[in-house]
Protein backbone atom coordinates (compact mmCIF):
# COMPACT_ATOMS: atom_id res chain seq x y z
CA UNK A 1 3.02 3.58 -41.88
CA UNK A 2 2.00 0.05 -40.69
CA UNK A 3 4.57 -1.57 -38.34
CA UNK A 4 6.22 1.62 -37.14
CA UNK A 5 5.97 2.52 -33.43
CA UNK A 6 3.60 5.35 -32.52
CA UNK A 7 5.34 8.74 -32.04
CA UNK A 8 2.42 10.23 -30.13
CA UNK A 9 3.39 11.68 -26.70
CA UNK A 10 2.70 9.48 -23.79
CA UNK A 11 1.04 12.34 -21.89
CA UNK A 12 1.58 13.67 -18.39
CA UNK A 13 1.78 11.50 -15.29
CA UNK A 14 -0.41 12.37 -12.27
CA UNK A 15 0.06 11.00 -8.78
CA UNK A 16 -3.10 10.91 -6.66
CA UNK A 17 -1.58 11.29 -3.22
CA UNK A 18 -3.07 9.98 0.06
CA UNK A 19 -1.46 9.54 3.42
CA UNK A 20 2.09 8.42 4.03
CA UNK A 21 5.51 8.87 2.43
CA UNK A 22 4.89 6.66 -0.66
CA UNK A 23 3.34 9.41 -2.85
CA UNK A 24 6.37 11.72 -2.26
CA UNK A 25 8.80 8.83 -2.85
CA UNK A 26 7.04 8.03 -6.16
CA UNK A 27 6.94 11.66 -7.21
CA UNK A 28 10.69 12.10 -6.64
CA UNK A 29 11.55 8.85 -8.38
CA UNK A 30 9.34 9.77 -11.39
CA UNK A 31 11.06 13.12 -11.72
CA UNK A 32 14.41 11.39 -11.76
CA UNK A 33 13.26 9.46 -14.86
CA UNK A 34 12.45 12.72 -16.65
CA UNK A 35 8.74 12.92 -15.76
CA UNK A 36 7.08 16.16 -14.60
CA UNK A 37 4.57 14.61 -12.32
CA UNK A 38 1.35 16.44 -11.27
CA UNK A 39 0.55 15.70 -7.69
CA UNK A 40 -3.19 15.59 -6.93
CA UNK A 41 -3.19 15.80 -3.12
CA UNK A 42 -6.38 14.47 -1.57
CA UNK A 43 -7.76 17.01 0.85
CA UNK A 44 -7.53 16.04 4.54
CA UNK A 45 -5.63 12.90 3.54
CA UNK A 46 -2.20 13.79 1.97
CA UNK A 47 0.23 14.56 4.81
CA UNK A 48 3.54 15.23 3.05
CA UNK A 49 4.93 18.47 1.63
CA UNK A 50 4.91 18.56 -2.21
CA UNK A 51 6.26 22.08 -2.56
CA UNK A 52 8.89 20.98 -5.08
CA UNK A 53 6.15 19.72 -7.46
CA UNK A 54 3.16 21.17 -9.22
CA UNK A 55 0.43 20.29 -6.77
CA UNK A 56 -3.31 20.67 -6.63
CA UNK A 57 -5.55 19.74 -3.64
CA UNK A 58 -8.84 18.02 -4.54
CA UNK A 59 -11.56 16.50 -2.42
CA UNK A 60 -11.62 12.70 -2.26
CA UNK A 61 -14.97 12.47 -4.03
CA UNK A 62 -14.67 15.36 -6.48
CA UNK A 63 -14.63 13.41 -9.74
CA UNK A 64 -15.63 16.42 -11.75
CA UNK A 65 -12.65 18.46 -10.53
CA UNK A 66 -10.27 15.56 -11.11
CA UNK A 67 -11.43 15.00 -14.64
CA UNK A 68 -11.24 18.74 -15.42
CA UNK A 69 -7.75 18.88 -13.99
CA UNK A 70 -6.57 15.89 -16.02
CA UNK A 71 -7.95 17.42 -19.18
CA UNK A 72 -6.35 20.80 -18.59
CA UNK A 73 -2.94 19.36 -17.64
CA UNK A 74 -2.87 16.73 -20.36
CA UNK A 75 -2.78 13.81 -17.99
CA UNK A 76 -3.03 10.36 -19.52
CA UNK A 77 -1.37 8.21 -16.91
CA UNK A 78 -2.26 7.97 -13.20
CA UNK A 79 -0.74 6.38 -10.09
CA UNK A 80 -2.87 5.87 -6.97
CA UNK A 81 -0.51 6.22 -4.04
CA UNK A 82 -0.90 6.46 -0.27
CA UNK A 83 -3.63 5.64 2.13
CA UNK A 84 -7.08 7.14 2.50
CA UNK A 85 -8.35 7.01 6.09
CA UNK A 86 -11.88 8.25 5.47
CA UNK A 87 -14.24 7.28 2.71
CA UNK A 88 -16.15 10.24 1.25
CA UNK A 89 -19.73 10.74 2.21
CA UNK A 90 -22.15 10.50 -0.68
CA UNK A 91 -22.69 14.31 -0.28
CA UNK A 92 -18.96 14.79 -1.03
CA UNK A 93 -19.23 13.11 -4.40
CA UNK A 94 -19.26 15.47 -7.36
CA UNK A 95 -19.80 13.34 -10.48
CA UNK A 96 -18.94 14.13 -14.05
CA UNK A 97 -21.64 13.83 -16.77
CA UNK A 98 -20.33 10.37 -17.69
CA UNK A 99 -20.50 9.16 -14.06
CA UNK A 100 -23.94 10.46 -12.99
CA UNK A 101 -25.70 7.12 -13.84
CA UNK A 102 -22.99 5.28 -11.88
CA UNK A 103 -23.42 7.23 -8.62
CA UNK A 104 -25.95 4.74 -6.97
CA UNK A 105 -23.44 1.89 -7.45
CA UNK A 106 -20.58 4.15 -6.31
CA UNK A 107 -22.44 5.02 -3.01
CA UNK A 108 -23.24 1.33 -2.42
CA UNK A 109 -19.58 0.42 -2.83
CA UNK A 110 -18.47 3.16 -0.52
CA UNK A 111 -21.01 2.05 2.08
CA UNK A 112 -20.55 -1.65 2.06
CA UNK A 113 -17.66 -2.61 -0.14
CA UNK A 114 -14.22 -3.69 1.16
CA UNK A 115 -11.03 -1.67 0.33
CA UNK A 116 -10.30 -3.72 -2.73
CA UNK A 117 -13.86 -3.16 -4.04
CA UNK A 118 -13.51 0.55 -3.57
CA UNK A 119 -10.09 0.63 -5.32
CA UNK A 120 -11.50 -1.34 -8.24
CA UNK A 121 -14.30 1.18 -8.60
CA UNK A 122 -11.81 4.11 -8.41
CA UNK A 123 -9.68 2.59 -11.13
CA UNK A 124 -12.66 2.11 -13.40
CA UNK A 125 -13.82 5.72 -12.80
CA UNK A 126 -10.31 7.02 -13.74
CA UNK A 127 -10.07 4.80 -16.78
CA UNK A 128 -13.48 6.23 -17.81
CA UNK A 129 -11.76 9.61 -17.91
CA UNK A 130 -9.49 8.27 -20.62
CA UNK A 131 -6.43 7.70 -18.41
CA UNK A 132 -4.35 4.62 -17.87
CA UNK A 133 -3.85 3.58 -14.18
CA UNK A 134 -0.34 2.35 -13.40
CA UNK A 135 1.20 0.73 -10.38
CA UNK A 136 3.85 2.62 -8.44
CA UNK A 137 6.28 -0.19 -9.18
CA UNK A 138 5.88 0.42 -12.92
CA UNK A 139 7.43 3.92 -12.46
CA UNK A 140 9.77 3.33 -9.64
CA UNK A 141 12.25 0.52 -10.26
CA UNK A 142 13.28 -1.74 -7.40
CA UNK A 143 10.27 -1.09 -5.14
CA UNK A 144 9.05 -4.65 -5.15
CA UNK A 145 10.34 -6.97 -2.37
CA UNK A 146 12.68 -9.74 -3.41
CA UNK A 147 12.77 -13.26 -1.99
CA UNK A 148 14.94 -13.98 1.04
CA UNK A 149 16.49 -11.87 3.79
CA UNK A 150 16.80 -8.17 2.99
CA UNK A 151 19.15 -7.45 5.87
CA UNK A 152 21.73 -9.22 8.04
CA UNK A 153 19.33 -11.36 10.09
CA UNK A 154 17.33 -14.42 9.24
CA UNK A 155 14.23 -16.02 10.78
CA UNK A 156 14.80 -18.93 13.23
CA UNK A 157 12.76 -22.17 13.09
CA UNK A 158 10.38 -20.71 15.63
CA UNK A 159 10.04 -17.59 13.45
CA UNK A 160 9.27 -19.68 10.43
CA UNK A 161 6.45 -21.41 12.23
CA UNK A 162 5.08 -17.97 13.16
CA UNK A 163 5.38 -16.89 9.52
CA UNK A 164 3.40 -19.91 8.42
CA UNK A 165 0.65 -19.24 10.92
CA UNK A 166 0.47 -15.53 10.11
CA UNK A 167 0.50 -16.35 6.32
CA UNK A 168 -2.62 -18.52 6.79
CA UNK A 169 -4.35 -15.77 8.81
CA UNK A 170 -3.39 -12.98 6.37
CA UNK A 171 -4.61 -15.02 3.38
CA UNK A 172 -8.01 -15.61 4.96
CA UNK A 173 -8.22 -11.99 6.03
CA UNK A 174 -7.49 -10.91 2.41
CA UNK A 175 -10.16 -13.29 1.07
CA UNK A 176 -12.66 -11.26 3.14
CA UNK A 177 -11.26 -7.99 1.67
CA UNK A 178 -10.49 -6.70 5.20
CA UNK A 179 -6.72 -6.26 5.53
CA UNK A 180 -3.29 -7.50 4.47
CA UNK A 181 -1.39 -8.15 7.74
CA UNK A 182 -1.30 -10.53 10.64
CA UNK A 183 0.94 -11.02 13.69
CA UNK A 184 1.67 -14.43 15.19
CA UNK A 185 3.50 -14.95 18.48
CA UNK A 186 4.43 -18.48 19.62
CA UNK A 187 2.36 -20.07 16.92
CA UNK A 188 -0.78 -18.12 17.93
CA UNK A 189 -2.28 -15.26 15.82
CA UNK A 190 -2.62 -12.32 18.17
CA UNK A 191 -3.60 -9.47 15.81
CA UNK A 192 -5.19 -8.95 12.49
CA UNK A 193 -4.95 -5.76 10.41
CA UNK A 194 -8.24 -3.86 9.94
CA UNK A 195 -9.07 -0.45 8.69
CA UNK A 196 -6.66 1.14 11.16
CA UNK A 197 -3.63 -0.02 9.19
CA UNK A 198 -0.40 -1.83 10.00
CA UNK A 199 1.18 0.77 12.35
CA UNK A 200 -1.90 0.87 14.55
CA UNK A 201 -2.09 -2.93 14.66
CA UNK A 202 1.50 -3.02 15.85
CA UNK A 203 0.69 -0.46 18.55
CA UNK A 204 -2.04 -2.76 19.75
CA UNK A 205 0.42 -5.70 19.89
CA UNK A 206 2.83 -3.53 21.92
CA UNK A 207 0.01 -2.62 24.36
CA UNK A 208 -1.12 -6.22 24.66
CA UNK A 209 2.43 -7.29 25.43
CA UNK A 210 2.81 -4.51 28.07
CA UNK A 211 -0.41 -5.70 29.70
CA UNK A 212 0.84 -9.29 29.82
CA UNK A 213 -1.67 -10.60 27.29
CA UNK A 214 1.15 -11.70 24.98
CA UNK A 215 4.11 -13.79 26.14
CA UNK A 216 7.18 -11.72 27.02
CA UNK A 217 9.45 -14.69 26.21
CA UNK A 218 8.28 -15.22 22.65
CA UNK A 219 8.76 -12.50 20.05
CA UNK A 220 6.63 -13.21 17.03
CA UNK A 221 6.40 -12.12 13.39
CA UNK A 222 4.42 -9.61 11.29
CA UNK A 223 3.35 -10.90 7.80
CA UNK A 224 1.95 -8.74 5.05
CA UNK A 225 0.43 -10.34 1.87
CA UNK A 226 -1.44 -9.16 -1.09
CA UNK A 227 -5.19 -9.99 -1.02
CA UNK A 228 -5.95 -12.98 -3.37
CA UNK A 229 -7.99 -10.56 -5.55
CA UNK A 230 -5.45 -7.72 -5.28
CA UNK A 231 -5.00 -5.37 -8.24
CA UNK A 232 -1.28 -4.72 -8.54
CA UNK A 233 -1.99 -1.16 -9.49
CA UNK A 234 -3.14 0.02 -6.08
CA UNK A 235 -2.71 -0.52 -2.33
CA UNK A 236 0.04 -3.13 -2.44
CA UNK A 237 1.31 -4.18 0.98
CA UNK A 238 4.01 -1.61 1.96
CA UNK A 239 6.67 -1.48 4.64
CA UNK A 240 9.35 1.10 5.48
CA UNK A 241 11.35 2.44 8.37
CA UNK A 242 8.23 3.20 10.45
CA UNK A 243 7.01 -0.37 10.12
CA UNK A 244 10.32 -1.64 11.45
CA UNK A 245 10.31 0.91 14.30
CA UNK A 246 6.86 -0.13 15.32
CA UNK A 247 7.71 -3.86 15.05
CA UNK A 248 10.64 -3.22 17.41
CA UNK A 249 8.32 -1.48 19.89
CA UNK A 250 5.91 -4.46 19.64
CA UNK A 251 8.82 -6.76 20.59
CA UNK A 252 8.73 -8.75 17.30
CA UNK A 253 11.53 -10.85 15.91
CA UNK A 254 10.87 -9.82 12.27
CA UNK A 255 8.73 -8.97 9.32
CA UNK A 256 7.91 -11.14 6.30
CA UNK A 257 6.31 -9.70 3.16
CA UNK A 258 5.19 -11.19 -0.11
CA UNK A 259 8.05 -11.15 -2.67
CA UNK A 260 7.29 -9.51 -5.92
CA UNK A 261 3.91 -8.27 -4.67
CA UNK A 262 4.81 -5.91 -1.85
CA UNK A 263 6.59 -2.50 -1.76
CA UNK A 264 9.69 -1.64 0.24
CA UNK A 265 10.27 2.07 0.91
CA UNK A 266 13.64 3.57 1.87
CA UNK A 267 15.11 0.12 1.97
CA UNK A 268 18.64 1.10 2.97
CA UNK A 269 17.40 3.12 6.00
CA UNK A 270 14.85 0.53 6.93
CA UNK A 271 17.43 -2.24 6.91
CA UNK A 272 19.90 -0.19 8.93
CA UNK A 273 17.24 0.20 11.65
CA UNK A 274 16.33 -3.52 11.54
CA UNK A 275 19.91 -4.71 11.59
CA UNK A 276 20.74 -2.47 14.58
CA UNK A 277 17.86 -3.93 16.49
CA UNK A 278 18.54 -7.59 15.51
CA UNK A 279 15.24 -7.75 13.64
CA UNK A 280 14.93 -9.67 10.34
CA UNK A 281 13.05 -8.47 7.23
CA UNK A 282 12.46 -10.99 4.45
CA UNK A 283 10.53 -11.57 1.25
CA UNK A 284 8.57 -14.75 1.09
CA UNK A 285 6.60 -16.87 -1.38
CA UNK A 286 3.49 -17.81 0.63
CA UNK A 287 3.02 -20.85 -1.50
CA UNK A 288 6.12 -22.42 -0.16
CA UNK A 289 6.79 -23.97 3.30
CA UNK A 290 8.04 -23.79 5.96
CA UNK A 291 7.66 -20.15 6.35
CA UNK A 292 7.54 -19.29 2.63
CA UNK A 293 11.36 -19.21 2.35
């Protein structure tokens, strides 16, 4: 009857899991809402144990296996979660009948496209299977960072200047579809995030400080922003306890992330670690100044 809501089942939720804790966090939270998520663990990428969930391991480029799995399991909704360190070789791509003609453009994107271009391509391929791609924050409430300090500590005036400088660098980096993070120390950008990811970048900062290449007197700030063209359904900037631990090792004063467009994992544990070390964590609006706060 016209005007009545559809009573059709919404279908099963699948979580395509890459590296990191986020896929497991999303799977657990989804189950708490009554979902029975299917975890599609990417071979040689997913690094968590999903023994409490129905889980299938699939090659990163095996589109045919993924589509067959979705059809067999009644999957209609998909979350892309976790990192992928290695792009599949063209020989690893197993297309479906519907994607055979798209393979040349898929290979070109894998070879020369930035991370956002690759994710846009993956989303279109999944949508072509008849599934809706969701953001992790649409399933797990409270994941998005809020504006202002998340813990007990706040940035100083010097920290705010570092935030401004790192915001400018991170925005330009995102425009090039390269990375999401930058570190500024004493008003000077000392590190930009590349394909190695945030934790490796912070390890570089720690090494540079140990070598005397970065001032021992000035601490500095890590900033993580969405890319200007970022699709909110995939690869949002993410921080958690390990980010804070690596920021402490790098001698930083704090971390600033984009409010409403970045994910915070295990917030209580993360803030406990930050508070104990005297490190601030805050959500910022990069359109504001000084420091986005």
